[in-house]
Protein backbone atom coordinates (compact mmCIF):
# COMPACT_ATOMS: atom_id res chain seq x y z
CA MET A 1 118.66 7.15 -36.48
CA THR A 2 116.64 9.62 -38.56
CA LYS A 3 116.39 7.11 -41.39
CA GLU A 4 115.27 4.39 -38.98
CA GLU A 5 112.54 6.68 -37.69
CA ALA A 6 111.51 7.37 -41.30
CA ILE A 7 111.20 3.63 -41.98
CA LYS A 8 108.95 3.25 -38.92
CA LEU A 9 106.75 6.06 -40.20
CA LYS A 10 106.62 4.40 -43.62
CA ASP A 11 105.55 1.11 -41.99
CA GLN A 12 102.92 3.02 -40.03
CA GLY A 13 101.68 4.55 -43.28
CA ASN A 14 101.48 1.09 -44.84
CA ALA A 15 99.30 -0.09 -41.96
CA TYR A 16 97.01 2.92 -42.31
CA LEU A 17 96.75 2.31 -46.05
CA LYS A 18 95.80 -1.32 -45.48
CA ASP A 19 93.05 -0.18 -43.08
CA HIS A 20 91.75 2.44 -45.57
CA LYS A 21 92.79 5.27 -43.23
CA TYR A 22 94.05 7.38 -46.08
CA ASP A 23 94.49 10.74 -44.39
CA GLN A 24 96.60 9.18 -41.64
CA ALA A 25 98.60 7.24 -44.24
CA ILE A 26 99.45 10.43 -46.14
CA GLU A 27 100.50 12.13 -42.90
CA SER A 28 102.80 9.23 -41.98
CA TYR A 29 104.42 9.11 -45.42
CA THR A 30 104.80 12.89 -45.45
CA GLN A 31 106.60 12.77 -42.09
CA ALA A 32 108.84 9.99 -43.40
CA ILE A 33 109.72 12.11 -46.44
CA ALA A 34 110.57 15.06 -44.19
CA LEU A 35 113.06 12.87 -42.31
CA ASP A 36 114.50 11.17 -45.40
CA PRO A 37 113.64 13.05 -48.62
CA GLN A 38 115.88 10.81 -50.76
CA ASN A 39 113.90 7.58 -50.29
CA ALA A 40 111.92 6.91 -53.48
CA ILE A 41 109.70 4.31 -51.75
CA PHE A 42 108.14 6.95 -49.49
CA TYR A 43 106.98 9.04 -52.46
CA SER A 44 105.72 5.99 -54.34
CA ASN A 45 103.74 4.77 -51.35
CA ARG A 46 102.18 8.19 -50.86
CA ALA A 47 101.29 8.16 -54.56
CA GLN A 48 99.34 4.96 -53.98
CA VAL A 49 97.24 6.69 -51.31
CA HIS A 50 96.59 9.61 -53.67
CA ILE A 51 95.39 7.09 -56.27
CA LYS A 52 92.95 5.66 -53.73
CA LEU A 53 91.70 9.21 -53.04
CA GLU A 54 91.50 9.93 -56.79
CA ASN A 55 94.06 12.73 -56.40
CA TYR A 56 95.81 11.64 -59.58
CA GLY A 57 97.66 14.90 -60.15
CA LEU A 58 99.32 14.60 -56.74
CA ALA A 59 100.05 10.92 -57.39
CA ILE A 60 101.87 11.83 -60.61
CA GLN A 61 103.93 14.46 -58.75
CA ASP A 62 104.99 11.89 -56.15
CA CYS A 63 105.85 9.31 -58.83
CA ASP A 64 107.97 11.90 -60.64
CA ALA A 65 109.77 12.64 -57.36
CA ALA A 66 110.44 8.92 -56.83
CA ILE A 67 111.71 8.51 -60.40
CA ALA A 68 114.00 11.53 -60.04
CA ILE A 69 115.61 9.84 -57.02
CA ASP A 70 115.70 6.35 -58.55
CA PRO A 71 115.22 6.26 -62.36
CA GLY A 72 115.00 2.47 -62.23
CA PHE A 73 112.15 2.30 -59.70
CA LEU A 74 109.55 0.43 -61.77
CA LYS A 75 106.72 0.63 -59.24
CA ALA A 76 106.76 4.43 -59.54
CA TYR A 77 106.40 4.16 -63.34
CA TYR A 78 103.51 1.74 -62.85
CA ARG A 79 101.65 4.02 -60.45
CA LYS A 80 102.29 7.00 -62.70
CA GLY A 81 100.84 5.03 -65.62
CA VAL A 82 97.74 4.12 -63.64
CA SER A 83 97.27 7.77 -62.64
CA LEU A 84 97.65 8.95 -66.23
CA MET A 85 95.06 6.41 -67.36
CA ALA A 86 92.69 7.69 -64.71
CA ILE A 87 92.79 11.20 -66.17
CA LEU A 88 92.46 9.81 -69.71
CA GLN A 89 96.06 10.51 -70.77
CA TYR A 90 96.44 7.09 -72.36
CA LYS A 91 99.36 7.88 -74.65
CA GLN A 92 101.56 9.03 -71.78
CA ALA A 93 100.39 6.09 -69.64
CA GLN A 94 101.31 3.67 -72.41
CA LEU A 95 104.87 5.04 -72.49
CA ASN A 96 105.28 4.34 -68.76
CA PHE A 97 103.98 0.78 -69.09
CA LYS A 98 106.20 0.16 -72.14
CA LEU A 99 109.25 1.18 -70.12
CA ILE A 100 108.34 -1.40 -67.45
CA LEU A 101 107.75 -4.14 -70.04
CA ASN A 102 111.19 -3.54 -71.55
CA LYS A 103 112.60 -4.77 -68.22
CA LEU A 104 109.79 -7.06 -67.02
CA PRO A 105 108.10 -8.33 -70.19
CA GLY A 106 105.94 -10.83 -68.35
CA ASP A 107 104.47 -8.57 -65.66
CA LYS A 108 100.77 -9.44 -65.84
CA LEU A 109 99.22 -6.20 -64.55
CA THR A 110 101.47 -4.05 -66.70
CA VAL A 111 100.65 -6.13 -69.79
CA GLU A 112 96.91 -5.71 -69.09
CA ASN A 113 97.24 -1.97 -68.64
CA TYR A 114 99.39 -1.61 -71.76
CA LYS A 115 96.74 -3.49 -73.76
CA GLN A 116 94.04 -1.27 -72.27
CA CYS A 117 95.91 1.84 -73.37
CA THR A 118 96.49 0.41 -76.84
CA ASN A 119 92.84 -0.55 -77.28
CA TYR A 120 91.64 2.84 -76.09
CA LEU A 121 93.96 4.70 -78.46
CA LYS A 122 92.92 2.47 -81.38
CA ARG A 123 89.24 3.04 -80.62
CA GLN A 124 89.83 6.77 -80.30
CA ALA A 125 91.61 6.87 -83.67
CA PHE A 126 88.86 4.79 -85.32
CA GLU A 127 86.09 6.99 -83.95
CA LYS A 128 87.93 10.06 -85.16
CA ALA A 129 88.42 8.52 -88.60
CA ILE A 130 84.76 7.64 -89.11
CA ALA A 131 83.45 10.90 -87.67
CA GLY A 132 81.83 12.79 -90.54
CA THR A 133 79.59 15.76 -91.00
CA ASP A 134 76.41 13.77 -90.36
CA HIS A 135 75.38 14.66 -86.81
CA THR A 136 72.19 12.59 -86.73
CA LEU A 137 71.51 11.53 -83.17
CA VAL A 138 70.98 7.88 -82.33
CA ILE A 139 67.86 9.07 -80.51
CA ASN A 140 66.52 10.35 -83.83
CA SER A 141 67.33 7.18 -85.77
CA VAL A 142 65.52 4.58 -83.65
CA ASP A 143 62.92 2.60 -85.63
CA TYR A 144 60.47 1.65 -82.89
CA GLN A 145 58.31 -0.44 -85.22
CA SER A 146 61.18 -2.78 -86.00
CA ILE A 147 62.17 -3.39 -82.35
CA GLN A 148 60.49 -6.44 -80.90
CA ILE A 149 59.81 -6.75 -77.17
CA GLU A 150 61.92 -9.57 -75.73
CA LYS A 151 59.95 -12.81 -75.28
CA SER A 152 61.13 -13.05 -71.67
CA TRP A 153 59.37 -9.78 -70.77
CA GLU A 154 56.45 -10.34 -68.38
CA GLY A 155 56.02 -6.76 -67.21
CA PRO A 156 53.60 -3.95 -68.07
CA GLU A 157 53.07 -3.06 -71.70
CA LEU A 158 53.90 0.41 -72.94
CA LYS A 159 52.34 2.06 -75.96
CA ILE A 160 55.18 4.01 -77.58
CA THR A 161 54.21 6.55 -80.23
CA PRO A 162 57.13 8.27 -81.99
CA ARG A 163 56.65 11.58 -83.77
CA LYS A 164 59.09 13.25 -86.14
CA SER A 165 59.32 17.03 -86.46
CA LYS A 166 60.15 18.91 -89.66
CA ASP A 167 63.83 19.07 -88.67
CA GLY A 168 63.95 15.30 -88.17
CA GLU A 169 63.89 15.29 -84.38
CA ILE A 170 62.08 12.36 -82.79
CA THR A 171 59.85 12.71 -79.73
CA VAL A 172 57.82 9.95 -78.15
CA GLU A 173 54.62 9.59 -76.20
CA ILE A 174 54.67 6.71 -73.73
CA ASP A 175 51.30 5.43 -72.52
CA GLY A 176 51.45 3.09 -69.54
CA LEU A 177 54.58 4.55 -67.93
CA ASP A 178 53.18 5.18 -64.47
CA GLU A 179 53.82 4.44 -60.78
CA GLY A 180 52.89 0.81 -61.37
CA TYR A 181 55.57 0.51 -64.04
CA LEU A 182 58.09 2.18 -61.73
CA LYS A 183 57.38 -0.28 -58.91
CA TYR A 184 57.63 -3.23 -61.28
CA MET A 185 60.91 -1.87 -62.66
CA ILE A 186 62.44 -1.55 -59.18
CA LYS A 187 61.49 -5.13 -58.30
CA LEU A 188 62.80 -6.32 -61.65
CA PHE A 189 66.15 -4.62 -61.10
CA LYS A 190 66.43 -6.06 -57.60
CA ASP A 191 65.84 -9.51 -59.12
CA GLY A 192 68.61 -8.93 -61.64
CA GLY A 193 66.28 -8.35 -64.60
CA LYS A 194 66.40 -5.87 -67.48
CA LEU A 195 63.92 -3.66 -69.29
CA PRO A 196 63.10 -4.32 -72.95
CA LYS A 197 65.43 -2.37 -75.25
CA LYS A 198 62.43 -0.71 -76.89
CA HIS A 199 61.35 0.68 -73.50
CA VAL A 200 64.87 1.90 -72.75
CA PHE A 201 65.16 3.78 -76.04
CA ALA A 202 61.78 5.41 -75.43
CA ILE A 203 62.65 6.40 -71.86
CA ILE A 204 65.96 7.97 -72.91
CA THR A 205 64.33 9.77 -75.84
CA LYS A 206 61.57 11.19 -73.64
CA VAL A 207 64.05 12.41 -71.04
CA TYR A 208 66.18 14.00 -73.77
CA GLU A 209 63.09 15.88 -74.93
CA LEU A 210 62.42 17.12 -71.37
CA LEU A 211 66.05 18.09 -70.75
CA LYS A 212 66.29 20.08 -73.98
CA LYS A 213 63.56 22.37 -72.67
CA GLU A 214 65.54 23.14 -69.52
CA LYS A 215 68.13 25.89 -69.33
CA THR A 216 71.83 25.24 -68.84
CA MET A 217 71.29 26.68 -65.34
CA THR A 218 67.89 25.62 -64.04
CA GLU A 219 66.25 27.97 -61.55
CA ILE A 220 64.24 26.14 -58.90
CA THR A 221 62.31 28.05 -56.24
CA LEU A 222 60.20 26.48 -53.49
CA GLU A 223 56.91 27.77 -52.24
CA HIS A 224 57.19 30.23 -49.32
CA SER A 225 54.38 31.60 -47.16
CA GLN A 226 55.99 35.06 -46.82
CA ILE A 227 57.35 35.53 -50.33
CA SER A 228 55.21 36.18 -53.36
CA ASP A 229 57.71 37.86 -55.69
CA LYS A 230 57.01 37.70 -59.39
CA LEU A 231 58.82 34.83 -61.07
CA ASN A 232 61.24 35.42 -63.89
CA ASP A 233 60.61 33.63 -67.18
CA ASP A 234 63.08 30.81 -66.46
CA GLU A 235 62.07 30.11 -62.87
CA ILE A 236 60.36 26.86 -61.89
CA ILE A 237 58.36 27.01 -58.67
CA GLY A 238 56.84 24.22 -56.67
CA GLY A 239 57.25 21.95 -53.72
CA LYS A 240 57.73 22.60 -50.04
CA LYS A 241 61.04 20.77 -49.66
CA LEU A 242 64.07 20.32 -51.89
CA THR A 243 66.74 17.67 -51.34
CA VAL A 244 70.15 17.90 -53.00
CA VAL A 245 71.79 14.52 -53.65
CA GLY A 246 75.47 14.25 -54.54
CA ASP A 247 77.33 11.48 -56.39
CA THR A 248 75.52 8.12 -56.38
CA HIS A 249 77.84 6.29 -58.83
CA GLY A 250 75.71 3.33 -59.76
CA GLN A 251 75.02 2.31 -56.15
CA PHE A 252 71.41 1.31 -56.82
CA TYR A 253 70.68 -0.26 -53.45
CA ASP A 254 71.97 2.79 -51.61
CA LEU A 255 69.78 4.98 -53.84
CA LEU A 256 66.73 2.92 -52.89
CA ASN A 257 67.69 3.31 -49.24
CA LEU A 258 68.12 7.07 -49.69
CA PHE A 259 64.53 7.43 -50.89
CA THR A 260 63.26 5.13 -48.14
CA LYS A 261 64.99 7.17 -45.42
CA PHE A 262 64.45 10.70 -46.68
CA GLY A 263 61.26 10.60 -48.73
CA HIS A 264 60.30 10.03 -52.35
CA VAL A 265 59.93 12.39 -55.28
CA SER A 266 56.51 14.03 -55.20
CA LYS A 267 54.73 17.28 -55.93
CA ASP A 268 55.75 18.59 -52.49
CA HIS A 269 59.24 17.08 -52.34
CA VAL A 270 61.67 18.12 -55.09
CA PHE A 271 64.98 16.30 -55.63
CA LEU A 272 68.09 17.64 -57.34
CA PHE A 273 70.69 15.02 -58.30
CA ASN A 274 74.02 16.76 -58.66
CA GLY A 275 75.82 14.58 -61.19
CA ASP A 276 77.90 11.39 -61.26
CA PHE A 277 75.02 8.93 -61.09
CA VAL A 278 76.85 6.46 -63.37
CA ASP A 279 80.30 4.78 -63.40
CA ARG A 280 82.18 2.91 -60.67
CA GLY A 281 79.15 1.11 -59.21
CA SER A 282 77.90 -1.93 -61.14
CA TRP A 283 74.24 -0.86 -61.23
CA SER A 284 74.73 2.34 -63.21
CA CYS A 285 72.11 1.34 -65.81
CA GLU A 286 69.58 0.75 -63.04
CA VAL A 287 70.33 4.08 -61.35
CA ALA A 288 70.14 6.00 -64.64
CA LEU A 289 66.86 4.39 -65.70
CA TYR A 290 65.33 4.87 -62.23
CA LEU A 291 66.15 8.59 -62.29
CA TYR A 292 64.98 8.91 -65.90
CA VAL A 293 61.60 7.28 -65.23
CA LEU A 294 61.17 9.60 -62.23
CA LYS A 295 61.99 12.54 -64.52
CA ILE A 296 59.22 11.47 -66.91
CA LEU A 297 56.70 10.97 -64.11
CA TYR A 298 57.62 14.14 -62.16
CA PRO A 299 59.29 16.52 -64.65
CA THR A 300 59.19 19.54 -62.28
CA SER A 301 59.97 17.59 -59.11
CA ILE A 302 63.26 15.97 -60.07
CA PHE A 303 66.22 17.73 -61.66
CA ILE A 304 69.54 16.23 -62.73
CA ASN A 305 72.78 18.16 -63.18
CA ARG A 306 75.58 16.78 -65.31
CA GLY A 307 78.68 15.45 -63.58
CA ASN A 308 82.13 14.81 -64.99
CA HIS A 309 81.19 11.12 -65.22
CA GLU A 310 78.23 11.80 -67.50
CA THR A 311 80.70 11.91 -70.39
CA SER A 312 81.63 9.11 -72.79
CA ASP A 313 85.40 9.41 -72.20
CA MET A 314 84.92 8.78 -68.48
CA ASN A 315 82.31 6.08 -69.12
CA LYS A 316 84.76 4.14 -71.29
CA THR A 317 87.28 4.18 -68.46
CA TYR A 318 85.10 3.75 -65.37
CA GLY A 319 82.64 1.08 -66.36
CA PHE A 320 79.34 2.48 -67.65
CA THR A 321 80.12 1.83 -71.33
CA ASP A 322 80.90 -1.84 -70.75
CA GLU A 323 78.01 -2.30 -68.32
CA CYS A 324 75.53 -0.72 -70.73
CA GLU A 325 76.76 -2.76 -73.69
CA TYR A 326 76.64 -5.97 -71.61
CA LYS A 327 73.12 -5.38 -70.29
CA TYR A 328 71.61 -3.69 -73.34
CA SER A 329 73.57 -2.60 -76.44
CA LYS A 330 76.16 -0.19 -77.78
CA LYS A 331 73.40 1.84 -79.41
CA ILE A 332 71.65 2.29 -76.07
CA PHE A 333 74.91 3.50 -74.55
CA GLU A 334 75.18 6.03 -77.38
CA ALA A 335 71.61 7.17 -76.69
CA PHE A 336 72.49 7.63 -73.01
CA THR A 337 75.54 9.65 -74.07
CA GLU A 338 73.33 11.96 -76.12
CA SER A 339 70.99 12.44 -73.17
CA PHE A 340 73.96 13.25 -70.92
CA GLY A 341 74.86 16.06 -73.30
CA ALA A 342 71.43 17.61 -72.66
CA LEU A 343 71.77 17.62 -68.87
CA PRO A 344 71.92 21.09 -67.26
CA LEU A 345 75.30 22.11 -65.83
CA ALA A 346 74.06 23.98 -62.75
CA SER A 347 71.00 24.92 -60.73
CA LEU A 348 70.09 28.07 -58.84
CA ILE A 349 68.06 27.12 -55.78
CA ASN A 350 65.71 29.65 -54.21
CA ARG A 351 67.60 32.43 -56.02
CA GLU A 352 70.39 32.28 -53.42
CA TYR A 353 72.22 28.95 -53.69
CA LEU A 354 74.19 27.88 -56.74
CA CYS A 355 74.62 24.13 -57.19
CA MET A 356 76.99 22.47 -59.66
CA HIS A 357 78.88 19.19 -59.71
CA GLY A 358 82.47 20.47 -59.57
CA GLY A 359 83.02 24.06 -58.61
CA LEU A 360 83.96 27.62 -59.51
CA PHE A 361 86.05 29.26 -62.19
CA SER A 362 89.52 30.39 -63.16
CA ASN A 363 88.11 33.87 -63.89
CA ASP A 364 86.56 36.13 -61.22
CA LYS A 365 84.36 37.87 -63.78
CA VAL A 366 82.07 34.89 -64.43
CA THR A 367 78.41 35.63 -63.70
CA LEU A 368 75.23 33.59 -63.41
CA ALA A 369 74.25 34.96 -66.80
CA ASP A 370 77.45 33.47 -68.26
CA ILE A 371 76.50 30.05 -66.90
CA LYS A 372 72.99 30.34 -68.34
CA SER A 373 74.41 31.23 -71.75
CA ILE A 374 76.59 28.10 -72.13
CA ASN A 375 75.48 26.24 -75.26
CA ARG A 376 74.92 22.54 -74.51
CA PHE A 377 74.05 21.77 -78.14
CA PRO A 378 76.94 22.90 -80.39
CA THR A 379 76.54 22.83 -84.15
CA ASN A 380 79.15 20.07 -84.53
CA GLY A 381 76.82 17.69 -82.69
CA SER A 382 79.33 16.90 -79.93
CA THR A 383 77.87 15.73 -76.64
CA GLN A 384 81.20 16.04 -74.85
CA PRO A 385 82.09 19.14 -72.82
CA PRO A 386 85.18 21.02 -74.01
CA LYS A 387 88.55 20.40 -72.37
CA GLU A 388 88.66 23.97 -71.06
CA GLY A 389 86.31 26.83 -70.25
CA LEU A 390 83.24 27.28 -68.06
CA ALA A 391 81.57 23.95 -68.79
CA MET A 392 84.74 22.00 -67.95
CA GLU A 393 85.25 23.97 -64.74
CA LEU A 394 81.64 23.46 -63.62
CA LEU A 395 82.24 19.71 -63.90
CA TRP A 396 85.81 19.37 -62.63
CA THR A 397 87.14 22.02 -60.22
CA ASP A 398 87.63 21.53 -56.48
CA PRO A 399 87.85 23.80 -53.43
CA GLN A 400 90.99 24.35 -51.36
CA GLU A 401 91.34 25.87 -47.91
CA VAL A 402 94.03 28.42 -48.81
CA ASN A 403 93.24 31.58 -50.76
CA GLY A 404 93.84 31.89 -54.46
CA ARG A 405 93.91 29.25 -57.15
CA SER A 406 96.24 26.33 -57.78
CA PRO A 407 96.67 23.37 -60.16
CA SER A 408 94.27 20.51 -59.56
CA LYS A 409 95.26 17.62 -57.33
CA ARG A 410 93.32 15.49 -59.86
CA GLY A 411 95.42 16.57 -62.82
CA ILE A 412 92.36 18.08 -64.55
CA GLY A 413 90.90 21.53 -63.91
CA MET A 414 92.06 23.64 -60.98
CA GLN A 415 91.40 24.42 -57.32
CA PHE A 416 89.86 27.58 -55.88
CA GLY A 417 90.19 29.11 -52.43
CA PRO A 418 87.71 30.69 -50.01
CA ASP A 419 88.49 34.18 -51.33
CA VAL A 420 87.44 33.10 -54.83
CA THR A 421 84.17 31.71 -53.48
CA GLU A 422 83.52 34.82 -51.38
CA ARG A 423 84.00 37.12 -54.36
CA PHE A 424 81.78 35.01 -56.59
CA CYS A 425 78.96 34.96 -54.04
CA LEU A 426 79.11 38.71 -53.40
CA ASN A 427 79.44 39.60 -57.08
CA ASN A 428 76.44 37.43 -57.98
CA LYS A 429 74.40 38.14 -54.83
CA ILE A 430 74.07 34.54 -53.69
CA ARG A 431 74.61 33.03 -50.25
CA LYS A 432 76.33 29.70 -50.82
CA ILE A 433 77.80 27.26 -53.31
CA LEU A 434 76.72 23.60 -53.20
CA ARG A 435 78.80 21.03 -55.04
CA SER A 436 79.69 17.32 -55.00
CA HIS A 437 82.51 15.59 -56.93
CA GLU A 438 84.59 14.50 -53.92
CA VAL A 439 84.20 11.91 -51.17
CA ARG A 440 83.50 13.41 -47.77
CA MET A 441 83.81 10.90 -44.95
CA GLY A 442 80.87 12.49 -43.13
CA GLY A 443 78.73 12.63 -46.28
CA VAL A 444 78.38 16.42 -46.10
CA GLU A 445 80.99 19.03 -45.25
CA GLU A 446 80.67 22.79 -44.81
CA GLU A 447 83.83 24.44 -46.10
CA GLN A 448 85.45 27.76 -46.90
CA LYS A 449 84.08 29.68 -43.91
CA GLY A 450 80.56 28.47 -44.57
CA ARG A 451 80.32 29.69 -48.16
CA LEU A 452 80.59 26.22 -49.69
CA ILE A 453 79.01 22.84 -48.98
CA THR A 454 80.17 19.54 -50.47
CA VAL A 455 77.58 16.74 -50.54
CA PHE A 456 78.49 13.17 -51.53
CA SER A 457 75.79 10.50 -51.56
CA ALA A 458 77.54 7.21 -52.33
CA PRO A 459 78.15 5.63 -48.89
CA ASN A 460 81.13 3.28 -48.62
CA TYR A 461 82.15 4.46 -52.07
CA CYS A 462 83.44 1.61 -54.24
CA ASP A 463 82.78 -0.78 -51.34
CA SER A 464 86.04 0.31 -49.75
CA THR A 465 86.08 3.90 -48.51
CA GLY A 466 83.94 3.58 -45.38
CA ASN A 467 82.33 7.02 -45.79
CA LEU A 468 78.78 8.01 -44.96
CA GLY A 469 76.45 9.26 -47.66
CA GLY A 470 74.85 12.67 -47.19
CA ILE A 471 72.10 14.95 -48.48
CA VAL A 472 71.21 18.63 -48.04
CA ASN A 473 67.59 19.74 -47.49
CA PHE A 474 66.00 23.12 -48.18
CA GLU A 475 62.73 24.06 -46.46
CA GLU A 476 60.99 27.26 -45.43
CA ASN A 477 62.59 28.84 -42.37
CA LYS A 478 59.75 29.11 -39.86
CA ASN A 479 61.72 31.74 -37.91
CA TYR A 480 62.21 34.02 -40.89
CA ASP A 481 61.23 37.65 -40.24
CA LYS A 482 60.57 39.38 -43.53
CA GLU A 483 60.45 42.81 -41.86
CA LYS A 484 64.07 42.46 -40.75
CA ASP A 485 65.32 41.27 -44.14
CA ASN A 486 67.07 44.10 -45.97
CA GLY A 487 67.52 41.97 -49.06
CA GLU A 488 71.29 41.70 -48.62
CA GLY A 489 71.50 38.48 -46.64
CA TYR A 490 73.99 37.13 -49.16
CA ARG A 491 76.60 39.49 -47.68
CA ASP A 492 76.62 37.67 -44.32
CA VAL A 493 76.79 33.93 -44.71
CA ASN A 494 76.13 33.50 -40.96
CA ASP A 495 72.91 35.53 -40.98
CA SER A 496 70.18 33.20 -39.69
CA ASN A 497 67.33 35.43 -40.87
CA THR A 498 67.13 33.81 -44.28
CA PRO A 499 63.92 32.60 -45.93
CA TRP A 500 65.29 29.10 -46.21
CA ALA A 501 66.47 26.59 -43.61
CA LEU A 502 69.26 24.23 -44.62
CA THR A 503 69.60 20.87 -42.89
CA THR A 504 71.87 17.92 -43.59
CA GLU A 505 71.29 14.22 -43.07
CA THR A 506 73.54 11.20 -43.46
CA PHE A 507 73.10 7.50 -44.11
CA GLU A 508 75.16 4.33 -44.17
CA ALA A 509 75.64 1.84 -46.97
CA VAL A 510 73.24 -1.08 -47.16
CA PRO A 511 73.97 -4.64 -48.30
CA HIS A 512 73.84 -5.41 -52.00
CA PRO A 513 74.31 -8.53 -54.14
CA ASP A 514 77.84 -9.86 -54.24
CA MET A 515 79.16 -7.88 -57.17
CA LYS A 516 82.28 -5.74 -57.10
CA PRO A 517 82.47 -2.19 -58.47
CA MET A 518 83.06 -1.99 -62.23
CA ALA A 519 82.19 -5.67 -62.50
CA TYR A 520 81.40 -5.39 -66.22
CA SER A 521 84.48 -3.36 -67.11
CA LYS A 522 86.72 -4.96 -69.72
CA GLY A 523 89.59 -2.77 -68.58
CA GLY A 524 89.76 -3.28 -64.86
CA PHE A 525 93.17 -1.68 -64.64
CA GLY A 526 93.59 -1.87 -60.92
CA PHE A 527 92.67 1.38 -59.22
């Protein structure tokens, strides 16, 4: 009877999975496993839900459990292979697919995934073989005089003037890049058009120049009627409102809707985009260029943190590489990659709120000064963050509700509990952590006893998740009483007498042209 009840729970989980009710599906499969822990199918099915939630580390654990029970269960090997691909462990993934093909040589999906692994490993080996000591950036090798504007271009003209410094670094001046160009560009993108390659190179190069001047941790402070403290040398002040935007993942039409609903970038309204603006969605080029043009027009009113998807390894897996090469060129993708390496890794808002894409650290002794001192421009010319250390953790880690630290459910990085967050905030005299990196069905979620906020801004992520998008706003707290502020508000996260008011807003997905996520991806290995 117990096994029959377990089968019913499994069937219930299958129904939840089909309806994209992932949390309920996991609960049903977990209950089935509790009743019958020797049924490999239950673990494999739960692994599939973890794949949908991008919890690849947990998916691999469930696949291993299924394989331990039934070493011949091919579906578990397949799902393990998919999960390993997702966290860029292509060699191990290839071994799992090879095992399947030894028994089912004609399985179409497995053949495709095996080829994808093989191609990735070959490309990786080739890139390693040709990598030399010449670290000349693509951005510094563009010959603007030799690039002709496409004959199909009917938009505004730009006068692009490159200048080379003594150390060979190229900067550009772009005359004609104004609000009129921005409006034309938006309409062009909505009509399915593209910018001239010469314009794209110039835009990326200009943004790279601007980003290089910013610190690894930008410090952004809004105007406040009751506070006139002296700024430190790295602090940028301006604006009356700041909006933090989480992952947008190439969802161009939802980004347009976000600005329409919540206001546009301006002198008074600062925006901070907290990483993962490319990959997954099939308008990643459009999103990146929109944000970059805004950065040129309003350099102190829009800030962009790096996410784990602003890295070439992730781009090759999740679509941006193929999209960029299809719409523009491989060289333009490489220029984007170089600009991603210049993106700041964190922002300190109003001196009290630390914002990064992923989360906190494996070491309690990390300080704000340590974050500021991370070198984004190593001497070896690499634009990729290291596989371990502070930069990796800023991009990859996730919160958990239990105290302490644990291995990552993703299979990369780690997870940190509310006690870790509390200690970090008190040690560094800040009130809250803001981060993104994970879908939240309500768009924004306050976690870890109020010390941490997750904001995710890609509604109906991948056209399948059904979540809301969210944003977080900072404005002057009109009820703030400076006389009652002892300067230690960071100690009590529930203290309402803070200079800044935080509000959250949500929005739904809007219609877009009929194009699936990762439409340009040559891999398409079935997440």
